[in-house]
Amino acid sequence: MSVQTAKRRLSPANIEALKGERPIVSLTAYTTPIARLLDPHVDFLLVGDSLGMVLYGLDTTVGVTLDMMIAHGQAVMRGSERSCVVIDLPFGSYQESKEQAFRSAARILKETGCSAVKLEGGAEMAETVDFLVSRGIPVLGHVGLMPQLVNTTGGYRSVGRNEKEVAKIRRDAKAIDDAGAFAIVVEGTVEPVAREITASLRSPTIGIGASPACDGQILVSDDMLGIFNDFKPRFVKHFAELAPAISKAVEDYANEVKARTFPGIEHTFQLKGVR
């Protein structure tokens, strides 16, 4: 990556400064080709541990490793030049201690060249966020529904439906904000609570299944593009329906191969002078 390219990239500070200016646009990216397509249109790309489910067919994000995140982070960096790139710290790479979190985050930044890391957690992770930020590692927080805790929370469900949950989300968001996160993802949180949190924080909120009032929005790109049709969460809008188009293209290819109409002579290499 050239110095000129690095100067063009949006930084975590640029993202933070957008609060109150305009909505922040974000999508997930896991590969170089997709990063190239998304890069001109978004403020930051998140290399999310959702890649475990989207690309690897895992049931949850728990099985994702640090090596997987680094490999895909490198791919996204190669495919982008203006977006701020943020990479998830996967389960087990930061919860043990703030020192473990620093080692994992420092390795991600060094080996990928990305701008920041994301971690899940509320008040219990505030000390870790402060530890990272004070040592030069920008952090994107994540509160509300936290997929890495699916085994202890009983599955994927919206939160903030009772006073106990509301109090926890408020406490978590404030703690991560006070700890210095440059922005905070608010996931799967009932709308009035997400709206209230957004108004109360210094940091911009990035909603996913939260509120239109959030300072920005993020979706899993494959969901937004309609690549998966077997399950559509309430908060997802298909801005395209690529699954049927892909299926039809593959069907046409298979039929032409079987009928020997592809490849045609125009798809082959010929010796010069041979007609």
C-alpha atoms as a PDB file:
ATOM      1  CA  MET A   1       0.000   0.000   0.000  1.00  0.00           C
ATOM      2  CA  SER A   2       1.508   3.328  -1.042  1.00  0.00           C
ATOM      3  CA  VAL A   3       1.775   6.414   1.153  1.00  0.00           C
ATOM      4  CA  GLN A   4      -0.565   8.182  -1.263  1.00  0.00           C
ATOM      5  CA  THR A   5      -3.197   5.453  -0.841  1.00  0.00           C
ATOM      6  CA  ALA A   6      -2.821   5.537   2.944  1.00  0.00           C
ATOM      7  CA  LYS A   7      -3.490   9.290   2.981  1.00  0.00           C
ATOM      8  CA  ARG A   8      -6.737   8.790   1.047  1.00  0.00           C
ATOM      9  CA  ARG A   9      -8.187   6.330   3.522  1.00  0.00           C
ATOM     10  CA  LEU A  10     -10.777   7.469   5.987  1.00  0.00           C
ATOM     11  CA  SER A  11      -9.509   7.088   9.534  1.00  0.00           C
ATOM     12  CA  PRO A  12     -11.352   6.133  12.738  1.00  0.00           C
ATOM     13  CA  ALA A  13     -11.167   9.828  13.672  1.00  0.00           C
ATOM     14  CA  ASN A  14     -12.905  10.700  10.382  1.00  0.00           C
ATOM     15  CA  ILE A  15     -15.662   8.195  11.185  1.00  0.00           C
ATOM     16  CA  GLU A  16     -16.080   9.576  14.699  1.00  0.00           C
ATOM     17  CA  ALA A  17     -16.334  13.133  13.346  1.00  0.00           C
ATOM     18  CA  LEU A  18     -19.333  12.197  11.176  1.00  0.00           C
ATOM     19  CA  LYS A  19     -21.650  12.065  14.197  1.00  0.00           C
ATOM     20  CA  GLY A  20     -24.163  14.830  13.729  1.00  0.00           C
ATOM     21  CA  GLU A  21     -22.908  15.558  10.212  1.00  0.00           C
ATOM     22  CA  ARG A  22     -24.410  12.768   8.105  1.00  0.00           C
ATOM     23  CA  PRO A  23     -25.234   9.044   8.404  1.00  0.00           C
ATOM     24  CA  ILE A  24     -22.262   6.667   8.344  1.00  0.00           C
ATOM     25  CA  VAL A  25     -22.354   3.904   5.709  1.00  0.00           C
ATOM     26  CA  SER A  26     -20.814   0.509   6.398  1.00  0.00           C
ATOM     27  CA  LEU A  27     -20.927  -3.047   5.067  1.00  0.00           C
ATOM     28  CA  THR A  28     -19.039  -6.253   5.742  1.00  0.00           C
ATOM     29  CA  ALA A  29     -16.386  -7.473   3.325  1.00  0.00           C
ATOM     30  CA  TYR A  30     -14.333 -10.654   3.388  1.00  0.00           C
ATOM     31  CA  THR A  31     -12.663 -10.872  -0.037  1.00  0.00           C
ATOM     32  CA  THR A  32     -10.683  -8.688  -2.428  1.00  0.00           C
ATOM     33  CA  PRO A  33     -13.264  -8.588  -5.279  1.00  0.00           C
ATOM     34  CA  ILE A  34     -16.140  -7.629  -2.984  1.00  0.00           C
ATOM     35  CA  ALA A  35     -14.010  -5.019  -1.217  1.00  0.00           C
ATOM     36  CA  ARG A  36     -13.266  -3.412  -4.596  1.00  0.00           C
ATOM     37  CA  LEU A  37     -16.980  -3.162  -5.375  1.00  0.00           C
ATOM     38  CA  LEU A  38     -17.963  -1.763  -1.975  1.00  0.00           C
ATOM     39  CA  ASP A  39     -15.031   0.565  -1.347  1.00  0.00           C
ATOM     40  CA  PRO A  40     -16.220   3.600  -3.373  1.00  0.00           C
ATOM     41  CA  HIS A  41     -19.576   3.706  -1.590  1.00  0.00           C
ATOM     42  CA  VAL A  42     -18.939   3.115   2.118  1.00  0.00           C
ATOM     43  CA  ASP A  43     -17.194   4.927   4.950  1.00  0.00           C
ATOM     44  CA  PHE A  44     -15.838   1.798   6.563  1.00  0.00           C
ATOM     45  CA  LEU A  45     -15.600  -1.865   5.718  1.00  0.00           C
ATOM     46  CA  LEU A  46     -15.930  -4.378   8.524  1.00  0.00           C
ATOM     47  CA  VAL A  47     -14.124  -7.689   8.160  1.00  0.00           C
ATOM     48  CA  GLY A  48     -16.583  -9.339  10.512  1.00  0.00           C
ATOM     49  CA  ASP A  49     -16.285 -12.691  12.211  1.00  0.00           C
ATOM     50  CA  SER A  50     -19.644 -13.326  10.510  1.00  0.00           C
ATOM     51  CA  LEU A  51     -17.383 -14.723   7.778  1.00  0.00           C
ATOM     52  CA  GLY A  52     -17.422 -17.942   9.759  1.00  0.00           C
ATOM     53  CA  MET A  53     -21.106 -18.384   8.949  1.00  0.00           C
ATOM     54  CA  VAL A  54     -21.192 -16.626   5.570  1.00  0.00           C
ATOM     55  CA  LEU A  55     -18.083 -18.181   3.995  1.00  0.00           C
ATOM     56  CA  TYR A  56     -17.298 -21.259   6.066  1.00  0.00           C
ATOM     57  CA  GLY A  57     -20.759 -22.578   6.890  1.00  0.00           C
ATOM     58  CA  LEU A  58     -20.268 -22.496  10.663  1.00  0.00           C
ATOM     59  CA  ASP A  59     -23.352 -22.409  12.873  1.00  0.00           C
ATOM     60  CA  THR A  60     -21.987 -19.508  14.947  1.00  0.00           C
ATOM     61  CA  THR A  61     -19.031 -17.123  14.938  1.00  0.00           C
ATOM     62  CA  VAL A  62     -17.391 -18.891  17.897  1.00  0.00           C
ATOM     63  CA  GLY A  63     -15.217 -21.140  15.708  1.00  0.00           C
ATOM     64  CA  VAL A  64     -13.525 -18.267  13.864  1.00  0.00           C
ATOM     65  CA  THR A  65      -9.783 -17.938  14.501  1.00  0.00           C
ATOM     66  CA  LEU A  66      -7.370 -15.020  14.573  1.00  0.00           C
ATOM     67  CA  ASP A  67      -5.556 -16.453  11.550  1.00  0.00           C
ATOM     68  CA  MET A  68      -8.815 -16.500   9.576  1.00  0.00           C
ATOM     69  CA  MET A  69      -9.511 -12.865  10.435  1.00  0.00           C
ATOM     70  CA  ILE A  70      -6.007 -11.806   9.417  1.00  0.00           C
ATOM     71  CA  ALA A  71      -6.126 -13.660   6.092  1.00  0.00           C
ATOM     72  CA  HIS A  72      -9.446 -12.089   5.127  1.00  0.00           C
ATOM     73  CA  GLY A  73      -8.354  -8.713   6.468  1.00  0.00           C
ATOM     74  CA  GLN A  74      -5.347  -8.799   4.160  1.00  0.00           C
ATOM     75  CA  ALA A  75      -7.644  -9.627   1.242  1.00  0.00           C
ATOM     76  CA  VAL A  76      -9.964  -6.702   2.001  1.00  0.00           C
ATOM     77  CA  MET A  77      -7.043  -4.296   2.362  1.00  0.00           C
ATOM     78  CA  ARG A  78      -5.812  -5.341  -1.078  1.00  0.00           C
ATOM     79  CA  GLY A  79      -9.232  -4.605  -2.545  1.00  0.00           C
ATOM     80  CA  SER A  80      -9.834  -1.205  -0.939  1.00  0.00           C
ATOM     81  CA  GLU A  81      -8.130   2.158  -0.961  1.00  0.00           C
ATOM     82  CA  ARG A  82     -10.416   4.800   0.576  1.00  0.00           C
ATOM     83  CA  SER A  83     -12.551   3.050   3.201  1.00  0.00           C
ATOM     84  CA  CYS A  84     -11.539   2.727   6.814  1.00  0.00           C
ATOM     85  CA  VAL A  85     -11.045  -1.022   7.350  1.00  0.00           C
ATOM     86  CA  VAL A  86     -11.989  -2.524  10.723  1.00  0.00           C
ATOM     87  CA  ILE A  87     -11.341  -6.166  11.636  1.00  0.00           C
ATOM     88  CA  ASP A  88     -13.158  -8.188  14.292  1.00  0.00           C
ATOM     89  CA  LEU A  89     -11.271  -9.695  17.190  1.00  0.00           C
ATOM     90  CA  PRO A  90     -12.648 -13.264  17.182  1.00  0.00           C
ATOM     91  CA  PHE A  91     -13.941 -15.152  20.200  1.00  0.00           C
ATOM     92  CA  GLY A  92     -11.184 -16.209  22.580  1.00  0.00           C
ATOM     93  CA  SER A  93      -8.613 -13.725  21.280  1.00  0.00           C
ATOM     94  CA  TYR A  94      -9.283 -10.886  23.742  1.00  0.00           C
ATOM     95  CA  GLN A  95     -11.565 -11.887  26.629  1.00  0.00           C
ATOM     96  CA  GLU A  96      -8.875 -13.444  28.826  1.00  0.00           C
ATOM     97  CA  SER A  97      -7.093 -10.175  29.634  1.00  0.00           C
ATOM     98  CA  LYS A  98      -6.415  -6.713  28.305  1.00  0.00           C
ATOM     99  CA  GLU A  99      -2.867  -7.838  27.565  1.00  0.00           C
ATOM    100  CA  GLN A 100      -4.122 -10.716  25.425  1.00  0.00           C
ATOM    101  CA  ALA A 101      -6.413  -8.276  23.619  1.00  0.00           C
ATOM    102  CA  PHE A 102      -3.477  -5.966  22.904  1.00  0.00           C
ATOM    103  CA  ARG A 103      -1.346  -8.796  21.516  1.00  0.00           C
ATOM    104  CA  SER A 104      -4.173  -9.975  19.250  1.00  0.00           C
ATOM    105  CA  ALA A 105      -5.085  -6.478  18.097  1.00  0.00           C
ATOM    106  CA  ALA A 106      -1.462  -5.469  17.504  1.00  0.00           C
ATOM    107  CA  ARG A 107      -0.938  -8.582  15.392  1.00  0.00           C
ATOM    108  CA  ILE A 108      -4.015  -7.753  13.287  1.00  0.00           C
ATOM    109  CA  LEU A 109      -2.887  -4.163  12.679  1.00  0.00           C
ATOM    110  CA  LYS A 110       0.699  -5.177  11.901  1.00  0.00           C
ATOM    111  CA  GLU A 111      -0.149  -8.052   9.538  1.00  0.00           C
ATOM    112  CA  THR A 112      -3.021  -6.400   7.667  1.00  0.00           C
ATOM    113  CA  GLY A 113      -2.428  -2.654   7.781  1.00  0.00           C
ATOM    114  CA  CYS A 114      -6.047  -2.070   8.811  1.00  0.00           C
ATOM    115  CA  SER A 115      -7.130   0.985  10.803  1.00  0.00           C
ATOM    116  CA  ALA A 116      -8.958  -0.489  13.805  1.00  0.00           C
ATOM    117  CA  VAL A 117     -10.345  -3.564  15.506  1.00  0.00           C
ATOM    118  CA  LYS A 118     -13.817  -4.373  16.784  1.00  0.00           C
ATOM    119  CA  LEU A 119     -14.662  -6.260  19.934  1.00  0.00           C
ATOM    120  CA  GLU A 120     -17.910  -7.295  21.562  1.00  0.00           C
ATOM    121  CA  GLY A 121     -18.765  -6.480  25.157  1.00  0.00           C
ATOM    122  CA  GLY A 122     -20.060  -3.842  27.493  1.00  0.00           C
ATOM    123  CA  ALA A 123     -18.996  -2.686  30.934  1.00  0.00           C
ATOM    124  CA  GLU A 124     -16.887  -5.803  31.462  1.00  0.00           C
ATOM    125  CA  MET A 125     -14.747  -4.896  28.425  1.00  0.00           C
ATOM    126  CA  ALA A 126     -14.421  -1.164  29.107  1.00  0.00           C
ATOM    127  CA  GLU A 127     -11.024  -1.511  30.785  1.00  0.00           C
ATOM    128  CA  THR A 128      -9.778  -3.476  27.775  1.00  0.00           C
ATOM    129  CA  VAL A 129     -11.050  -0.849  25.336  1.00  0.00           C
ATOM    130  CA  ASP A 130      -9.330   1.897  27.331  1.00  0.00           C
ATOM    131  CA  PHE A 131      -6.117  -0.165  27.454  1.00  0.00           C
ATOM    132  CA  LEU A 132      -6.105  -0.595  23.668  1.00  0.00           C
ATOM    133  CA  VAL A 133      -7.044   2.982  22.800  1.00  0.00           C
ATOM    134  CA  SER A 134      -4.448   4.450  25.152  1.00  0.00           C
ATOM    135  CA  ARG A 135      -1.827   2.321  23.387  1.00  0.00           C
ATOM    136  CA  GLY A 136      -2.680   3.457  19.888  1.00  0.00           C
ATOM    137  CA  ILE A 137      -5.255   0.876  18.783  1.00  0.00           C
ATOM    138  CA  PRO A 138      -8.602   2.388  17.700  1.00  0.00           C
ATOM    139  CA  VAL A 139     -11.577   0.289  18.812  1.00  0.00           C
ATOM    140  CA  LEU A 140     -15.067  -0.112  17.386  1.00  0.00           C
ATOM    141  CA  GLY A 141     -17.328  -1.269  20.210  1.00  0.00           C
ATOM    142  CA  HIS A 142     -20.293  -3.639  19.952  1.00  0.00           C
ATOM    143  CA  VAL A 143     -23.216  -3.782  22.412  1.00  0.00           C
ATOM    144  CA  GLY A 144     -26.757  -5.108  22.479  1.00  0.00           C
ATOM    145  CA  LEU A 145     -27.050  -8.503  20.816  1.00  0.00           C
ATOM    146  CA  MET A 146     -23.550 -10.011  20.858  1.00  0.00           C
ATOM    147  CA  PRO A 147     -23.208 -13.058  18.576  1.00  0.00           C
ATOM    148  CA  GLN A 148     -20.064 -14.334  20.312  1.00  0.00           C
ATOM    149  CA  LEU A 149     -22.146 -14.865  23.472  1.00  0.00           C
ATOM    150  CA  VAL A 150     -24.797 -16.941  21.710  1.00  0.00           C
ATOM    151  CA  ASN A 151     -23.982 -20.007  23.828  1.00  0.00           C
ATOM    152  CA  THR A 152     -24.731 -18.181  27.079  1.00  0.00           C
ATOM    153  CA  THR A 153     -27.608 -15.970  25.963  1.00  0.00           C
ATOM    154  CA  GLY A 154     -29.702 -18.759  24.465  1.00  0.00           C
ATOM    155  CA  GLY A 155     -29.549 -17.820  20.801  1.00  0.00           C
ATOM    156  CA  TYR A 156     -30.051 -14.856  18.514  1.00  0.00           C
ATOM    157  CA  ARG A 157     -32.837 -12.605  19.772  1.00  0.00           C
ATOM    158  CA  SER A 158     -33.491  -8.911  20.118  1.00  0.00           C
ATOM    159  CA  VAL A 159     -32.656  -7.302  23.432  1.00  0.00           C
ATOM    160  CA  GLY A 160     -34.028  -4.387  25.443  1.00  0.00           C
ATOM    161  CA  ARG A 161     -37.491  -5.832  26.014  1.00  0.00           C
ATOM    162  CA  ASN A 162     -37.479  -5.485  29.788  1.00  0.00           C
ATOM    163  CA  GLU A 163     -36.064  -3.023  32.324  1.00  0.00           C
ATOM    164  CA  LYS A 164     -33.162  -5.282  33.265  1.00  0.00           C
ATOM    165  CA  GLU A 165     -32.021  -5.562  29.655  1.00  0.00           C
ATOM    166  CA  VAL A 166     -32.527  -1.856  29.014  1.00  0.00           C
ATOM    167  CA  ALA A 167     -30.447  -0.951  32.060  1.00  0.00           C
ATOM    168  CA  LYS A 168     -27.659  -3.274  30.915  1.00  0.00           C
ATOM    169  CA  ILE A 169     -27.560  -1.863  27.384  1.00  0.00           C
ATOM    170  CA  ARG A 170     -27.463   1.704  28.717  1.00  0.00           C
ATOM    171  CA  ARG A 171     -24.662   0.788  31.119  1.00  0.00           C
ATOM    172  CA  ASP A 172     -22.710  -1.108  28.460  1.00  0.00           C
ATOM    173  CA  ALA A 173     -22.966   1.612  25.832  1.00  0.00           C
ATOM    174  CA  LYS A 174     -21.902   4.365  28.248  1.00  0.00           C
ATOM    175  CA  ALA A 175     -18.970   2.305  29.533  1.00  0.00           C
ATOM    176  CA  ILE A 176     -17.619   1.628  26.032  1.00  0.00           C
ATOM    177  CA  ASP A 177     -18.205   5.247  25.031  1.00  0.00           C
ATOM    178  CA  ASP A 178     -16.356   6.512  28.110  1.00  0.00           C
ATOM    179  CA  ALA A 179     -13.534   4.043  27.414  1.00  0.00           C
ATOM    180  CA  GLY A 180     -12.787   5.786  24.116  1.00  0.00           C
ATOM    181  CA  ALA A 181     -14.316   3.685  21.335  1.00  0.00           C
ATOM    182  CA  PHE A 182     -14.474   5.741  18.124  1.00  0.00           C
ATOM    183  CA  ALA A 183     -17.900   4.258  17.310  1.00  0.00           C
ATOM    184  CA  ILE A 184     -20.200   1.571  18.699  1.00  0.00           C
ATOM    185  CA  VAL A 185     -22.216  -1.059  16.844  1.00  0.00           C
ATOM    186  CA  VAL A 186     -25.673  -1.448  18.395  1.00  0.00           C
ATOM    187  CA  GLU A 187     -27.137  -4.769  17.298  1.00  0.00           C
ATOM    188  CA  GLY A 188     -30.545  -6.362  17.737  1.00  0.00           C
ATOM    189  CA  THR A 189     -31.773  -3.704  20.151  1.00  0.00           C
ATOM    190  CA  VAL A 190     -35.387  -2.536  20.305  1.00  0.00           C
ATOM    191  CA  GLU A 191     -35.826   0.754  18.489  1.00  0.00           C
ATOM    192  CA  PRO A 192     -36.653   3.198  21.308  1.00  0.00           C
ATOM    193  CA  VAL A 193     -33.655   2.035  23.349  1.00  0.00           C
ATOM    194  CA  ALA A 194     -31.262   2.276  20.403  1.00  0.00           C
ATOM    195  CA  ARG A 195     -32.598   5.766  19.650  1.00  0.00           C
ATOM    196  CA  GLU A 196     -32.095   6.860  23.255  1.00  0.00           C
ATOM    197  CA  ILE A 197     -28.555   5.477  23.386  1.00  0.00           C
ATOM    198  CA  THR A 198     -27.617   7.215  20.151  1.00  0.00           C
ATOM    199  CA  ALA A 199     -28.715  10.580  21.551  1.00  0.00           C
ATOM    200  CA  SER A 200     -26.809  10.060  24.804  1.00  0.00           C
ATOM    201  CA  LEU A 201     -23.376   9.019  23.521  1.00  0.00           C
ATOM    202  CA  ARG A 202     -20.344  10.969  22.371  1.00  0.00           C
ATOM    203  CA  SER A 203     -19.434   8.185  19.941  1.00  0.00           C
ATOM    204  CA  PRO A 204     -21.502   7.546  16.813  1.00  0.00           C
ATOM    205  CA  THR A 205     -23.700   4.461  16.898  1.00  0.00           C
ATOM    206  CA  ILE A 206     -23.796   2.019  13.989  1.00  0.00           C
ATOM    207  CA  GLY A 207     -27.111   0.224  13.879  1.00  0.00           C
ATOM    208  CA  ILE A 208     -27.932  -3.282  12.734  1.00  0.00           C
ATOM    209  CA  GLY A 209     -31.415  -4.304  13.721  1.00  0.00           C
ATOM    210  CA  ALA A 210     -31.595  -1.191  15.906  1.00  0.00           C
ATOM    211  CA  SER A 211     -32.936   2.245  14.905  1.00  0.00           C
ATOM    212  CA  PRO A 212     -33.096   4.592  11.904  1.00  0.00           C
ATOM    213  CA  ALA A 213     -31.910   7.224  14.374  1.00  0.00           C
ATOM    214  CA  CYS A 214     -28.521   5.538  14.767  1.00  0.00           C
ATOM    215  CA  ASP A 215     -25.615   7.597  13.439  1.00  0.00           C
ATOM    216  CA  GLY A 216     -24.890   4.954  10.809  1.00  0.00           C
ATOM    217  CA  GLN A 217     -25.949   1.557   9.542  1.00  0.00           C
ATOM    218  CA  ILE A 218     -24.236  -1.729   8.734  1.00  0.00           C
ATOM    219  CA  LEU A 219     -25.411  -4.962   7.121  1.00  0.00           C
ATOM    220  CA  VAL A 220     -23.767  -8.209   6.120  1.00  0.00           C
ATOM    221  CA  SER A 221     -23.131  -7.680   2.409  1.00  0.00           C
ATOM    222  CA  ASP A 222     -24.303 -11.148   1.410  1.00  0.00           C
ATOM    223  CA  ASP A 223     -27.617 -10.516   3.174  1.00  0.00           C
ATOM    224  CA  MET A 224     -28.065  -7.102   1.569  1.00  0.00           C
ATOM    225  CA  LEU A 225     -27.310  -8.523  -1.885  1.00  0.00           C
ATOM    226  CA  GLY A 226     -29.869 -11.309  -1.541  1.00  0.00           C
ATOM    227  CA  ILE A 227     -27.353 -14.126  -1.868  1.00  0.00           C
ATOM    228  CA  PHE A 228     -29.000 -16.049   0.978  1.00  0.00           C
ATOM    229  CA  ASN A 229     -32.706 -16.734   0.603  1.00  0.00           C
ATOM    230  CA  ASP A 230     -33.184 -19.469   3.195  1.00  0.00           C
ATOM    231  CA  PHE A 231     -33.339 -17.014   6.104  1.00  0.00           C
ATOM    232  CA  LYS A 232     -33.992 -13.268   6.101  1.00  0.00           C
ATOM    233  CA  PRO A 233     -33.783 -11.459   9.450  1.00  0.00           C
ATOM    234  CA  ARG A 234     -36.357  -8.738  10.047  1.00  0.00           C
ATOM    235  CA  PHE A 235     -33.714  -6.019   9.889  1.00  0.00           C
ATOM    236  CA  VAL A 236     -32.372  -7.040   6.467  1.00  0.00           C
ATOM    237  CA  LYS A 237     -33.505  -5.465   3.219  1.00  0.00           C
ATOM    238  CA  HIS A 238     -32.497  -7.141  -0.043  1.00  0.00           C
ATOM    239  CA  PHE A 239     -31.213  -4.368  -2.286  1.00  0.00           C
ATOM    240  CA  ALA A 240     -30.660  -7.038  -4.954  1.00  0.00           C
ATOM    241  CA  GLU A 241     -31.724 -10.649  -5.485  1.00  0.00           C
ATOM    242  CA  LEU A 242     -28.494 -12.262  -6.627  1.00  0.00           C
ATOM    243  CA  ALA A 243     -29.245 -15.814  -5.531  1.00  0.00           C
ATOM    244  CA  PRO A 244     -31.715 -16.547  -8.390  1.00  0.00           C
ATOM    245  CA  ALA A 245     -29.384 -14.879 -10.923  1.00  0.00           C
ATOM    246  CA  ILE A 246     -26.409 -16.953  -9.767  1.00  0.00           C
ATOM    247  CA  SER A 247     -28.434 -20.146  -9.805  1.00  0.00           C
ATOM    248  CA  LYS A 248     -29.714 -19.416 -13.324  1.00  0.00           C
ATOM    249  CA  ALA A 249     -26.219 -18.620 -14.610  1.00  0.00           C
ATOM    250  CA  VAL A 250     -24.865 -21.902 -13.248  1.00  0.00           C
ATOM    251  CA  GLU A 251     -27.814 -23.807 -14.734  1.00  0.00           C
ATOM    252  CA  ASP A 252     -27.163 -22.235 -18.153  1.00  0.00           C
ATOM    253  CA  TYR A 253     -23.461 -23.053 -17.911  1.00  0.00           C
ATOM    254  CA  ALA A 254     -24.153 -26.669 -16.972  1.00  0.00           C
ATOM    255  CA  ASN A 255     -26.629 -27.079 -19.834  1.00  0.00           C
ATOM    256  CA  GLU A 256     -24.194 -25.652 -22.399  1.00  0.00           C
ATOM    257  CA  VAL A 257     -21.333 -27.852 -21.196  1.00  0.00           C
ATOM    258  CA  LYS A 258     -23.564 -30.929 -21.435  1.00  0.00           C
ATOM    259  CA  ALA A 259     -24.801 -29.898 -24.889  1.00  0.00           C
ATOM    260  CA  ARG A 260     -21.220 -29.129 -26.037  1.00  0.00           C
ATOM    261  CA  THR A 261     -22.219 -25.603 -27.010  1.00  0.00           C
ATOM    262  CA  PHE A 262     -19.666 -24.227 -24.545  1.00  0.00           C
ATOM    263  CA  PRO A 263     -16.825 -23.746 -25.038  1.00  0.00           C
ATOM    264  CA  GLY A 264     -17.111 -22.631 -28.629  1.00  0.00           C
ATOM    265  CA  ILE A 265     -14.137 -22.336 -30.951  1.00  0.00           C
ATOM    266  CA  GLU A 266     -13.986 -18.632 -30.071  1.00  0.00           C
ATOM    267  CA  HIS A 267     -13.156 -19.600 -26.484  1.00  0.00           C
ATOM    268  CA  THR A 268     -10.060 -21.614 -27.465  1.00  0.00           C
ATOM    269  CA  PHE A 269      -6.463 -20.767 -28.378  1.00  0.00           C
ATOM    270  CA  GLN A 270      -5.447 -21.507 -31.972  1.00  0.00           C
ATOM    271  CA  LEU A 271      -2.072 -21.783 -33.698  1.00  0.00           C
ATOM    272  CA  LYS A 272      -1.296 -18.828 -35.919  1.00  0.00           C
ATOM    273  CA  GLY A 273      -2.066 -19.505 -39.560  1.00  0.00           C
ATOM    274  CA  VAL A 274      -4.538 -22.294 -38.792  1.00  0.00           C
ATOM    275  CA  ARG A 275      -8.027 -21.666 -40.110  1.00  0.00           C
END
